[in-house]
Amino acid sequence: LQGMARNAGSFLAYQRAASYLSPVGMFGELTGGLSYIHAVDDFFEQFDKRAGDLAADLQLLASLLFRKGNLIIAVTCSRDDFEVFAKEIGNLVGRLGDGEAKIQPFDPKPEARNEGLLAPSKVQYVYRAADYTKLGYGWRGRMEVLRQILSRDYLTQEIRIKGGAYGAWAGFTRDGLAYFGSYRDPNLKKTLDAFDGASTYLEKFAPSDMEMTRFIIGTIARLDHPKTPSQKGEVAVSYHLRGVTQRQRQAERDEILATRQQHVRELARMIKDILSHSVLCVYGNEKILQENKKLFERLVKVVD
């Protein structure tokens, strides 16, 4: 985990930014982000005192989670292999407890904040994020086209080519998270200024028909790239758990294919609202973050 804290700056900054905005983001931070790393470090500092309690807690957790009433089985295999699976799966199910565990409420209160994560790094990983549903916007298929345009054109030009970062992108999730990010970025303030310029870029967006077609093709290619059987199974489970139907997916693809320049320009207002209400999290060089400490509500050491 110490290695992750030093080498997974982009993931840690993204997860931390998401945690400021929603219970889902907070859950991800507590179970896999910087807060989780710090909690594990704290546990190992007191290992002799707490090991017994942890073992008991994990046994209790396993008994509550691994029950027949909670079970969802997804298998991706050939017909011949499925016969073997169907024959043997009963051995596993038979070892699980009966009944369903009582669902306990998990209702954390996200707190919007701006943080700098002080790390032994020569570069920055910069994230700005907002919950677009709280700004009155909903998920649409053309957001996938917007992501392609911002990531492959505007942000690549301004932050990667001009700014010297290894990469930069924007993204939107179905549950409301909108984010702008940069990867292995030598800058900070210049990158934030580039993010702020995205709405102006979209207001003036006027590609040729061929360029617009390339954006559409790139969007579809990213969504429908060839997948291995294992990947197909993972995607199917993900859609099932999130309640995304094939009809919804097809409607989104239809909207992607119907997206035109004017539709993209109309999204400029949404991007301006998102950036105006965004939170900030930067994982990066301690000296650079200290020099820009006015950007942050607090600075947090990644490792002691």
C-alpha atoms as a PDB file:
ATOM      1  CA  LEU A   1       0.000   0.000   0.000  1.00  0.00           C
ATOM      2  CA  GLN A   2       2.910   2.362   0.594  1.00  0.00           C
ATOM      3  CA  GLY A   3       3.943   1.688  -2.984  1.00  0.00           C
ATOM      4  CA  MET A   4       0.415   2.520  -4.142  1.00  0.00           C
ATOM      5  CA  ALA A   5       0.514   5.765  -2.165  1.00  0.00           C
ATOM      6  CA  ARG A   6       3.699   6.755  -3.991  1.00  0.00           C
ATOM      7  CA  ASN A   7       2.849   5.481  -7.465  1.00  0.00           C
ATOM      8  CA  ALA A   8      -0.930   5.755  -7.922  1.00  0.00           C
ATOM      9  CA  GLY A   9      -1.267   9.529  -7.752  1.00  0.00           C
ATOM     10  CA  SER A  10      -3.884   9.799 -10.485  1.00  0.00           C
ATOM     11  CA  PHE A  11      -6.193   7.213  -8.919  1.00  0.00           C
ATOM     12  CA  LEU A  12      -5.804   8.638  -5.411  1.00  0.00           C
ATOM     13  CA  ALA A  13      -6.549  12.208  -6.527  1.00  0.00           C
ATOM     14  CA  TYR A  14      -9.555  11.093  -8.594  1.00  0.00           C
ATOM     15  CA  GLN A  15     -10.995   8.985  -5.777  1.00  0.00           C
ATOM     16  CA  ARG A  16     -10.439  11.742  -3.223  1.00  0.00           C
ATOM     17  CA  ALA A  17     -12.174  14.313  -5.429  1.00  0.00           C
ATOM     18  CA  ALA A  18     -15.140  11.967  -5.939  1.00  0.00           C
ATOM     19  CA  SER A  19     -15.409  11.502  -2.163  1.00  0.00           C
ATOM     20  CA  TYR A  20     -16.214  15.197  -1.699  1.00  0.00           C
ATOM     21  CA  LEU A  21     -19.378  14.840  -3.781  1.00  0.00           C
ATOM     22  CA  SER A  22     -21.371  11.681  -3.045  1.00  0.00           C
ATOM     23  CA  PRO A  23     -21.784   8.729  -0.662  1.00  0.00           C
ATOM     24  CA  VAL A  24     -20.633   6.435  -3.483  1.00  0.00           C
ATOM     25  CA  GLY A  25     -17.446   8.458  -3.821  1.00  0.00           C
ATOM     26  CA  MET A  26     -16.920   8.395  -0.068  1.00  0.00           C
ATOM     27  CA  PHE A  27     -17.342   4.614   0.009  1.00  0.00           C
ATOM     28  CA  GLY A  28     -14.689   4.248  -2.696  1.00  0.00           C
ATOM     29  CA  GLU A  29     -12.304   6.496  -0.769  1.00  0.00           C
ATOM     30  CA  LEU A  30     -12.830   4.644   2.517  1.00  0.00           C
ATOM     31  CA  THR A  31     -12.381   1.202   0.944  1.00  0.00           C
ATOM     32  CA  GLY A  32      -9.628   1.858  -1.585  1.00  0.00           C
ATOM     33  CA  GLY A  33      -8.377   5.438  -1.521  1.00  0.00           C
ATOM     34  CA  LEU A  34      -5.965   7.441   0.596  1.00  0.00           C
ATOM     35  CA  SER A  35      -8.203   7.171   3.676  1.00  0.00           C
ATOM     36  CA  TYR A  36      -8.014   3.383   3.371  1.00  0.00           C
ATOM     37  CA  ILE A  37      -4.220   3.457   3.075  1.00  0.00           C
ATOM     38  CA  HIS A  38      -3.936   5.643   6.167  1.00  0.00           C
ATOM     39  CA  ALA A  39      -6.338   3.374   8.090  1.00  0.00           C
ATOM     40  CA  VAL A  40      -4.276   0.285   7.230  1.00  0.00           C
ATOM     41  CA  ASP A  41      -1.067   2.078   8.232  1.00  0.00           C
ATOM     42  CA  ASP A  42      -2.650   3.007  11.547  1.00  0.00           C
ATOM     43  CA  PHE A  43      -3.751  -0.583  12.079  1.00  0.00           C
ATOM     44  CA  PHE A  44      -0.274  -2.001  11.516  1.00  0.00           C
ATOM     45  CA  GLU A  45       1.209   0.482  13.959  1.00  0.00           C
ATOM     46  CA  GLN A  46      -1.028  -1.134  16.594  1.00  0.00           C
ATOM     47  CA  PHE A  47      -1.054  -4.643  15.139  1.00  0.00           C
ATOM     48  CA  ASP A  48      -0.338  -6.537  18.360  1.00  0.00           C
ATOM     49  CA  LYS A  49      -3.241  -4.837  20.138  1.00  0.00           C
ATOM     50  CA  ARG A  50      -5.786  -4.965  17.327  1.00  0.00           C
ATOM     51  CA  ALA A  51      -5.089  -8.177  15.372  1.00  0.00           C
ATOM     52  CA  GLY A  52      -7.580 -10.259  17.346  1.00  0.00           C
ATOM     53  CA  ASP A  53     -10.379  -7.732  16.939  1.00  0.00           C
ATOM     54  CA  LEU A  54      -9.715  -7.477  13.201  1.00  0.00           C
ATOM     55  CA  ALA A  55      -9.847 -11.250  12.734  1.00  0.00           C
ATOM     56  CA  ALA A  56     -13.163 -11.409  14.592  1.00  0.00           C
ATOM     57  CA  ASP A  57     -14.592  -8.511  12.576  1.00  0.00           C
ATOM     58  CA  LEU A  58     -13.568 -10.119   9.271  1.00  0.00           C
ATOM     59  CA  GLN A  59     -15.123 -13.440  10.256  1.00  0.00           C
ATOM     60  CA  LEU A  60     -18.366 -11.673  11.133  1.00  0.00           C
ATOM     61  CA  LEU A  61     -18.287  -9.714   7.873  1.00  0.00           C
ATOM     62  CA  ALA A  62     -17.747 -12.883   5.840  1.00  0.00           C
ATOM     63  CA  SER A  63     -20.684 -14.594   7.549  1.00  0.00           C
ATOM     64  CA  LEU A  64     -22.951 -11.631   6.756  1.00  0.00           C
ATOM     65  CA  LEU A  65     -21.853 -11.163   3.151  1.00  0.00           C
ATOM     66  CA  PHE A  66     -21.504 -14.712   1.885  1.00  0.00           C
ATOM     67  CA  ARG A  67     -25.093 -15.917   2.197  1.00  0.00           C
ATOM     68  CA  LYS A  68     -27.399 -17.596  -0.263  1.00  0.00           C
ATOM     69  CA  GLY A  69     -29.819 -14.684  -0.066  1.00  0.00           C
ATOM     70  CA  ASN A  70     -27.120 -12.238  -1.186  1.00  0.00           C
ATOM     71  CA  LEU A  71     -25.788 -14.421  -3.985  1.00  0.00           C
ATOM     72  CA  ILE A  72     -25.542 -13.350  -7.619  1.00  0.00           C
ATOM     73  CA  ILE A  73     -23.776 -15.768  -9.942  1.00  0.00           C
ATOM     74  CA  ALA A  74     -22.402 -14.740 -13.325  1.00  0.00           C
ATOM     75  CA  VAL A  75     -20.470 -17.167 -15.481  1.00  0.00           C
ATOM     76  CA  THR A  76     -18.960 -16.712 -18.938  1.00  0.00           C
ATOM     77  CA  CYS A  77     -17.900 -19.944 -20.602  1.00  0.00           C
ATOM     78  CA  SER A  78     -18.602 -22.431 -23.382  1.00  0.00           C
ATOM     79  CA  ARG A  79     -21.690 -24.656 -23.279  1.00  0.00           C
ATOM     80  CA  ASP A  80     -19.551 -27.689 -22.448  1.00  0.00           C
ATOM     81  CA  ASP A  81     -17.828 -25.889 -19.587  1.00  0.00           C
ATOM     82  CA  PHE A  82     -21.172 -24.650 -18.287  1.00  0.00           C
ATOM     83  CA  GLU A  83     -22.279 -28.227 -17.677  1.00  0.00           C
ATOM     84  CA  VAL A  84     -19.240 -28.708 -15.438  1.00  0.00           C
ATOM     85  CA  PHE A  85     -19.928 -25.408 -13.691  1.00  0.00           C
ATOM     86  CA  ALA A  86     -23.605 -26.216 -13.099  1.00  0.00           C
ATOM     87  CA  LYS A  87     -22.645 -29.569 -11.613  1.00  0.00           C
ATOM     88  CA  GLU A  88     -20.060 -28.161  -9.206  1.00  0.00           C
ATOM     89  CA  ILE A  89     -21.556 -24.821  -8.154  1.00  0.00           C
ATOM     90  CA  GLY A  90     -23.836 -26.569  -5.689  1.00  0.00           C
ATOM     91  CA  ASN A  91     -20.805 -27.448  -3.563  1.00  0.00           C
ATOM     92  CA  LEU A  92     -20.085 -23.745  -3.100  1.00  0.00           C
ATOM     93  CA  VAL A  93     -23.685 -22.701  -2.545  1.00  0.00           C
ATOM     94  CA  GLY A  94     -24.125 -25.432   0.024  1.00  0.00           C
ATOM     95  CA  ARG A  95     -21.381 -23.915   2.171  1.00  0.00           C
ATOM     96  CA  LEU A  96     -23.058 -20.514   2.322  1.00  0.00           C
ATOM     97  CA  GLY A  97     -25.257 -19.391   5.189  1.00  0.00           C
ATOM     98  CA  ASP A  98     -29.021 -19.190   4.873  1.00  0.00           C
ATOM     99  CA  GLY A  99     -31.149 -16.064   4.873  1.00  0.00           C
ATOM    100  CA  GLU A 100     -30.401 -12.458   4.078  1.00  0.00           C
ATOM    101  CA  ALA A 101     -28.410 -10.172   6.311  1.00  0.00           C
ATOM    102  CA  LYS A 102     -30.211  -7.094   7.582  1.00  0.00           C
ATOM    103  CA  ILE A 103     -29.155  -4.088   5.541  1.00  0.00           C
ATOM    104  CA  GLN A 104     -27.557  -1.429   7.704  1.00  0.00           C
ATOM    105  CA  PRO A 105     -27.782   2.202   6.559  1.00  0.00           C
ATOM    106  CA  PHE A 106     -24.599   3.777   5.221  1.00  0.00           C
ATOM    107  CA  ASP A 107     -25.272   7.468   4.881  1.00  0.00           C
ATOM    108  CA  PRO A 108     -22.040   9.450   5.034  1.00  0.00           C
ATOM    109  CA  LYS A 109     -22.215  13.194   4.501  1.00  0.00           C
ATOM    110  CA  PRO A 110     -19.861  14.298   1.727  1.00  0.00           C
ATOM    111  CA  GLU A 111     -18.134  17.595   2.366  1.00  0.00           C
ATOM    112  CA  ALA A 112     -17.050  19.699  -0.597  1.00  0.00           C
ATOM    113  CA  ARG A 113     -13.452  20.748  -0.111  1.00  0.00           C
ATOM    114  CA  ASN A 114     -10.251  21.461  -1.999  1.00  0.00           C
ATOM    115  CA  GLU A 115      -7.211  19.444  -0.961  1.00  0.00           C
ATOM    116  CA  GLY A 116      -3.582  19.133  -1.919  1.00  0.00           C
ATOM    117  CA  LEU A 117      -2.017  15.715  -1.357  1.00  0.00           C
ATOM    118  CA  LEU A 118       1.661  16.250  -0.551  1.00  0.00           C
ATOM    119  CA  ALA A 119       3.684  13.457  -2.134  1.00  0.00           C
ATOM    120  CA  PRO A 120       7.284  12.532  -3.028  1.00  0.00           C
ATOM    121  CA  SER A 121       6.531  13.362  -6.658  1.00  0.00           C
ATOM    122  CA  LYS A 122       8.097  15.628  -9.252  1.00  0.00           C
ATOM    123  CA  VAL A 123       4.809  16.045 -11.128  1.00  0.00           C
ATOM    124  CA  GLN A 124       1.144  16.698 -10.404  1.00  0.00           C
ATOM    125  CA  TYR A 125      -2.081  14.795 -10.924  1.00  0.00           C
ATOM    126  CA  VAL A 126      -4.771  17.467 -11.037  1.00  0.00           C
ATOM    127  CA  TYR A 127      -8.510  16.767 -10.726  1.00  0.00           C
ATOM    128  CA  ARG A 128     -11.530  19.035 -10.674  1.00  0.00           C
ATOM    129  CA  ALA A 129     -14.937  17.422 -10.241  1.00  0.00           C
ATOM    130  CA  ALA A 130     -18.601  18.213  -9.668  1.00  0.00           C
ATOM    131  CA  ASP A 131     -21.954  16.446  -9.381  1.00  0.00           C
ATOM    132  CA  TYR A 132     -23.793  17.592 -12.498  1.00  0.00           C
ATOM    133  CA  THR A 133     -27.132  16.211 -11.277  1.00  0.00           C
ATOM    134  CA  LYS A 134     -27.116  18.760  -8.443  1.00  0.00           C
ATOM    135  CA  LEU A 135     -26.744  21.469 -11.086  1.00  0.00           C
ATOM    136  CA  GLY A 136     -29.902  20.353 -12.878  1.00  0.00           C
ATOM    137  CA  TYR A 137     -28.352  18.215 -15.630  1.00  0.00           C
ATOM    138  CA  GLY A 138     -28.974  14.568 -16.451  1.00  0.00           C
ATOM    139  CA  TRP A 139     -27.017  11.824 -18.155  1.00  0.00           C
ATOM    140  CA  ARG A 140     -27.180  11.818 -21.955  1.00  0.00           C
ATOM    141  CA  GLY A 141     -25.495   9.802 -24.671  1.00  0.00           C
ATOM    142  CA  ARG A 142     -23.953  12.885 -26.262  1.00  0.00           C
ATOM    143  CA  MET A 143     -21.894  13.367 -23.090  1.00  0.00           C
ATOM    144  CA  GLU A 144     -19.780  10.515 -24.460  1.00  0.00           C
ATOM    145  CA  VAL A 145     -19.114  12.589 -27.575  1.00  0.00           C
ATOM    146  CA  LEU A 146     -18.317  15.601 -25.405  1.00  0.00           C
ATOM    147  CA  ARG A 147     -15.836  13.498 -23.466  1.00  0.00           C
ATOM    148  CA  GLN A 148     -14.143  12.446 -26.705  1.00  0.00           C
ATOM    149  CA  ILE A 149     -13.913  16.016 -28.005  1.00  0.00           C
ATOM    150  CA  LEU A 150     -12.576  17.528 -24.785  1.00  0.00           C
ATOM    151  CA  SER A 151     -10.128  14.711 -24.096  1.00  0.00           C
ATOM    152  CA  ARG A 152      -8.779  14.084 -27.590  1.00  0.00           C
ATOM    153  CA  ASP A 153      -8.786  17.644 -28.872  1.00  0.00           C
ATOM    154  CA  TYR A 154      -8.942  20.547 -26.423  1.00  0.00           C
ATOM    155  CA  LEU A 155      -7.288  19.110 -23.309  1.00  0.00           C
ATOM    156  CA  THR A 156      -4.666  17.174 -25.252  1.00  0.00           C
ATOM    157  CA  GLN A 157      -3.712  20.332 -27.131  1.00  0.00           C
ATOM    158  CA  GLU A 158      -3.680  22.686 -24.126  1.00  0.00           C
ATOM    159  CA  ILE A 159      -2.315  20.461 -21.363  1.00  0.00           C
ATOM    160  CA  ARG A 160      -0.345  17.700 -23.049  1.00  0.00           C
ATOM    161  CA  ILE A 161       1.112  19.385 -26.116  1.00  0.00           C
ATOM    162  CA  LYS A 162       1.443  22.943 -24.805  1.00  0.00           C
ATOM    163  CA  GLY A 163       1.810  22.169 -21.107  1.00  0.00           C
ATOM    164  CA  GLY A 164       4.025  19.102 -21.228  1.00  0.00           C
ATOM    165  CA  ALA A 165       1.817  16.726 -19.220  1.00  0.00           C
ATOM    166  CA  TYR A 166       1.689  13.056 -20.176  1.00  0.00           C
ATOM    167  CA  GLY A 167      -2.073  13.228 -20.586  1.00  0.00           C
ATOM    168  CA  ALA A 168      -5.318  15.050 -19.842  1.00  0.00           C
ATOM    169  CA  TRP A 169      -8.982  14.159 -20.102  1.00  0.00           C
ATOM    170  CA  ALA A 170     -12.559  14.836 -19.098  1.00  0.00           C
ATOM    171  CA  GLY A 171     -15.213  12.322 -18.157  1.00  0.00           C
ATOM    172  CA  PHE A 172     -18.822  11.887 -17.077  1.00  0.00           C
ATOM    173  CA  THR A 173     -20.397   8.987 -15.186  1.00  0.00           C
ATOM    174  CA  ARG A 174     -24.012   7.862 -15.232  1.00  0.00           C
ATOM    175  CA  ASP A 175     -24.455   8.623 -11.538  1.00  0.00           C
ATOM    176  CA  GLY A 176     -23.561  12.308 -11.879  1.00  0.00           C
ATOM    177  CA  LEU A 177     -19.801  12.694 -11.575  1.00  0.00           C
ATOM    178  CA  ALA A 178     -18.123  15.077 -14.013  1.00  0.00           C
ATOM    179  CA  TYR A 179     -14.352  15.467 -13.869  1.00  0.00           C
ATOM    180  CA  PHE A 180     -11.345  17.020 -15.552  1.00  0.00           C
ATOM    181  CA  GLY A 181      -7.930  15.491 -14.934  1.00  0.00           C
ATOM    182  CA  SER A 182      -4.278  15.700 -15.887  1.00  0.00           C
ATOM    183  CA  TYR A 183      -1.577  13.025 -15.643  1.00  0.00           C
ATOM    184  CA  ARG A 184       2.110  13.475 -14.785  1.00  0.00           C
ATOM    185  CA  ASP A 185       1.692  17.205 -15.143  1.00  0.00           C
ATOM    186  CA  PRO A 186       4.596  19.622 -14.531  1.00  0.00           C
ATOM    187  CA  ASN A 187       2.102  22.468 -14.024  1.00  0.00           C
ATOM    188  CA  LEU A 188      -0.741  23.341 -11.694  1.00  0.00           C
ATOM    189  CA  LYS A 189      -2.096  26.853 -12.199  1.00  0.00           C
ATOM    190  CA  LYS A 190      -1.722  26.661 -15.993  1.00  0.00           C
ATOM    191  CA  THR A 191      -3.677  23.421 -15.997  1.00  0.00           C
ATOM    192  CA  LEU A 192      -6.503  24.907 -13.943  1.00  0.00           C
ATOM    193  CA  ASP A 193      -6.642  27.833 -16.370  1.00  0.00           C
ATOM    194  CA  ALA A 194      -6.862  25.363 -19.260  1.00  0.00           C
ATOM    195  CA  PHE A 195      -9.766  23.586 -17.567  1.00  0.00           C
ATOM    196  CA  ASP A 196     -11.537  26.933 -17.187  1.00  0.00           C
ATOM    197  CA  GLY A 197     -11.116  27.598 -20.903  1.00  0.00           C
ATOM    198  CA  ALA A 198     -13.084  24.508 -21.915  1.00  0.00           C
ATOM    199  CA  SER A 199     -16.464  26.253 -22.032  1.00  0.00           C
ATOM    200  CA  THR A 200     -15.131  29.002 -24.309  1.00  0.00           C
ATOM    201  CA  TYR A 201     -13.658  26.351 -26.598  1.00  0.00           C
ATOM    202  CA  LEU A 202     -17.057  24.640 -26.799  1.00  0.00           C
ATOM    203  CA  GLU A 203     -18.915  27.889 -27.466  1.00  0.00           C
ATOM    204  CA  LYS A 204     -16.738  28.360 -30.569  1.00  0.00           C
ATOM    205  CA  PHE A 205     -16.712  24.688 -31.558  1.00  0.00           C
ATOM    206  CA  ALA A 206     -16.964  24.516 -35.352  1.00  0.00           C
ATOM    207  CA  PRO A 207     -15.247  21.448 -36.800  1.00  0.00           C
ATOM    208  CA  SER A 208     -15.613  20.323 -40.385  1.00  0.00           C
ATOM    209  CA  ASP A 209     -18.072  17.542 -41.144  1.00  0.00           C
ATOM    210  CA  MET A 210     -15.148  15.130 -41.521  1.00  0.00           C
ATOM    211  CA  GLU A 211     -13.695  16.137 -38.141  1.00  0.00           C
ATOM    212  CA  MET A 212     -17.084  15.742 -36.481  1.00  0.00           C
ATOM    213  CA  THR A 213     -17.451  12.303 -38.032  1.00  0.00           C
ATOM    214  CA  ARG A 214     -14.064  11.321 -36.602  1.00  0.00           C
ATOM    215  CA  PHE A 215     -15.195  12.375 -33.124  1.00  0.00           C
ATOM    216  CA  ILE A 216     -18.325  10.228 -33.489  1.00  0.00           C
ATOM    217  CA  ILE A 217     -16.345   7.240 -34.754  1.00  0.00           C
ATOM    218  CA  GLY A 218     -13.845   7.627 -31.912  1.00  0.00           C
ATOM    219  CA  THR A 219     -16.664   7.678 -29.381  1.00  0.00           C
ATOM    220  CA  ILE A 220     -18.302   4.535 -30.738  1.00  0.00           C
ATOM    221  CA  ALA A 221     -14.925   2.789 -31.032  1.00  0.00           C
ATOM    222  CA  ARG A 222     -14.209   3.440 -27.359  1.00  0.00           C
ATOM    223  CA  LEU A 223     -17.602   2.096 -26.298  1.00  0.00           C
ATOM    224  CA  ASP A 224     -17.729  -0.892 -28.646  1.00  0.00           C
ATOM    225  CA  HIS A 225     -14.119  -2.034 -28.903  1.00  0.00           C
ATOM    226  CA  PRO A 226     -13.611  -5.814 -29.218  1.00  0.00           C
ATOM    227  CA  LYS A 227     -13.775  -7.623 -25.877  1.00  0.00           C
ATOM    228  CA  THR A 228     -12.570 -10.979 -24.652  1.00  0.00           C
ATOM    229  CA  PRO A 229     -15.176 -13.362 -23.214  1.00  0.00           C
ATOM    230  CA  SER A 230     -13.987 -12.404 -19.721  1.00  0.00           C
ATOM    231  CA  GLN A 231     -14.448  -8.700 -20.463  1.00  0.00           C
ATOM    232  CA  LYS A 232     -17.915  -9.318 -21.906  1.00  0.00           C
ATOM    233  CA  GLY A 233     -18.890 -11.053 -18.691  1.00  0.00           C
ATOM    234  CA  GLU A 234     -17.572  -8.202 -16.544  1.00  0.00           C
ATOM    235  CA  VAL A 235     -19.478  -5.622 -18.598  1.00  0.00           C
ATOM    236  CA  ALA A 236     -22.697  -7.641 -18.395  1.00  0.00           C
ATOM    237  CA  VAL A 237     -22.430  -7.872 -14.597  1.00  0.00           C
ATOM    238  CA  SER A 238     -21.693  -4.166 -14.309  1.00  0.00           C
ATOM    239  CA  TYR A 239     -24.763  -3.209 -16.354  1.00  0.00           C
ATOM    240  CA  HIS A 240     -26.932  -5.650 -14.402  1.00  0.00           C
ATOM    241  CA  LEU A 241     -25.879  -4.271 -11.014  1.00  0.00           C
ATOM    242  CA  ARG A 242     -26.410  -0.694 -12.169  1.00  0.00           C
ATOM    243  CA  GLY A 243     -29.774  -1.428 -13.756  1.00  0.00           C
ATOM    244  CA  VAL A 244     -28.700  -0.363 -17.259  1.00  0.00           C
ATOM    245  CA  THR A 245     -30.828  -2.043 -19.927  1.00  0.00           C
ATOM    246  CA  GLN A 246     -29.998  -2.862 -23.530  1.00  0.00           C
ATOM    247  CA  ARG A 247     -32.737  -0.435 -24.597  1.00  0.00           C
ATOM    248  CA  GLN A 248     -31.030   2.386 -22.684  1.00  0.00           C
ATOM    249  CA  ARG A 249     -27.667   1.547 -24.212  1.00  0.00           C
ATOM    250  CA  GLN A 250     -29.131   1.549 -27.710  1.00  0.00           C
ATOM    251  CA  ALA A 251     -30.854   4.901 -27.121  1.00  0.00           C
ATOM    252  CA  GLU A 252     -27.519   6.358 -26.024  1.00  0.00           C
ATOM    253  CA  ARG A 253     -25.789   5.057 -29.141  1.00  0.00           C
ATOM    254  CA  ASP A 254     -28.528   6.532 -31.309  1.00  0.00           C
ATOM    255  CA  GLU A 255     -27.986   9.909 -29.648  1.00  0.00           C
ATOM    256  CA  ILE A 256     -24.228   9.631 -30.104  1.00  0.00           C
ATOM    257  CA  LEU A 257     -24.657   8.980 -33.823  1.00  0.00           C
ATOM    258  CA  ALA A 258     -27.084  11.917 -34.111  1.00  0.00           C
ATOM    259  CA  THR A 259     -24.812  14.421 -32.325  1.00  0.00           C
ATOM    260  CA  ARG A 260     -23.941  17.489 -34.401  1.00  0.00           C
ATOM    261  CA  GLN A 261     -21.783  20.571 -33.872  1.00  0.00           C
ATOM    262  CA  GLN A 262     -24.677  22.613 -32.491  1.00  0.00           C
ATOM    263  CA  HIS A 263     -25.404  19.986 -29.841  1.00  0.00           C
ATOM    264  CA  VAL A 264     -21.817  20.232 -28.631  1.00  0.00           C
ATOM    265  CA  ARG A 265     -21.937  24.026 -28.481  1.00  0.00           C
ATOM    266  CA  GLU A 266     -25.114  23.774 -26.397  1.00  0.00           C
ATOM    267  CA  LEU A 267     -23.151  21.811 -23.783  1.00  0.00           C
ATOM    268  CA  ALA A 268     -20.798  24.740 -23.153  1.00  0.00           C
ATOM    269  CA  ARG A 269     -23.139  26.103 -20.500  1.00  0.00           C
ATOM    270  CA  MET A 270     -23.136  22.811 -18.634  1.00  0.00           C
ATOM    271  CA  ILE A 271     -19.329  22.699 -18.614  1.00  0.00           C
ATOM    272  CA  LYS A 272     -19.166  26.274 -17.349  1.00  0.00           C
ATOM    273  CA  ASP A 273     -21.570  25.389 -14.522  1.00  0.00           C
ATOM    274  CA  ILE A 274     -19.614  22.246 -13.674  1.00  0.00           C
ATOM    275  CA  LEU A 275     -16.303  24.078 -13.417  1.00  0.00           C
ATOM    276  CA  SER A 276     -17.880  26.950 -11.478  1.00  0.00           C
ATOM    277  CA  HIS A 277     -19.110  24.495  -8.831  1.00  0.00           C
ATOM    278  CA  SER A 278     -16.187  22.069  -8.890  1.00  0.00           C
ATOM    279  CA  VAL A 279     -13.999  20.752  -6.109  1.00  0.00           C
ATOM    280  CA  LEU A 280     -10.240  20.378  -6.492  1.00  0.00           C
ATOM    281  CA  CYS A 281      -7.823  17.636  -5.506  1.00  0.00           C
ATOM    282  CA  VAL A 282      -4.167  17.632  -6.528  1.00  0.00           C
ATOM    283  CA  TYR A 283      -1.624  14.911  -5.790  1.00  0.00           C
ATOM    284  CA  GLY A 284       1.799  16.361  -6.327  1.00  0.00           C
ATOM    285  CA  ASN A 285       5.119  17.873  -5.430  1.00  0.00           C
ATOM    286  CA  GLU A 286       5.154  19.264  -1.901  1.00  0.00           C
ATOM    287  CA  LYS A 287       7.036  22.433  -2.852  1.00  0.00           C
ATOM    288  CA  ILE A 288       4.671  23.287  -5.717  1.00  0.00           C
ATOM    289  CA  LEU A 289       1.577  22.627  -3.628  1.00  0.00           C
ATOM    290  CA  GLN A 290       2.927  24.712  -0.752  1.00  0.00           C
ATOM    291  CA  GLU A 291       3.615  27.571  -3.180  1.00  0.00           C
ATOM    292  CA  ASN A 292      -0.030  27.355  -4.314  1.00  0.00           C
ATOM    293  CA  LYS A 293      -1.571  26.663  -0.901  1.00  0.00           C
ATOM    294  CA  LYS A 294      -4.171  29.404  -1.389  1.00  0.00           C
ATOM    295  CA  LEU A 295      -5.899  27.044  -3.827  1.00  0.00           C
ATOM    296  CA  PHE A 296      -6.568  24.533  -1.052  1.00  0.00           C
ATOM    297  CA  GLU A 297      -8.537  24.343   2.159  1.00  0.00           C
ATOM    298  CA  ARG A 298      -5.935  21.982   3.528  1.00  0.00           C
ATOM    299  CA  LEU A 299      -2.797  20.068   2.630  1.00  0.00           C
ATOM    300  CA  VAL A 300      -2.510  16.369   3.496  1.00  0.00           C
ATOM    301  CA  LYS A 301       0.660  14.274   3.583  1.00  0.00           C
ATOM    302  CA  VAL A 302       0.317  11.126   1.507  1.00  0.00           C
ATOM    303  CA  VAL A 303       3.048   9.285   3.440  1.00  0.00           C
ATOM    304  CA  ASP A 304       4.801  10.195   6.672  1.00  0.00           C
END
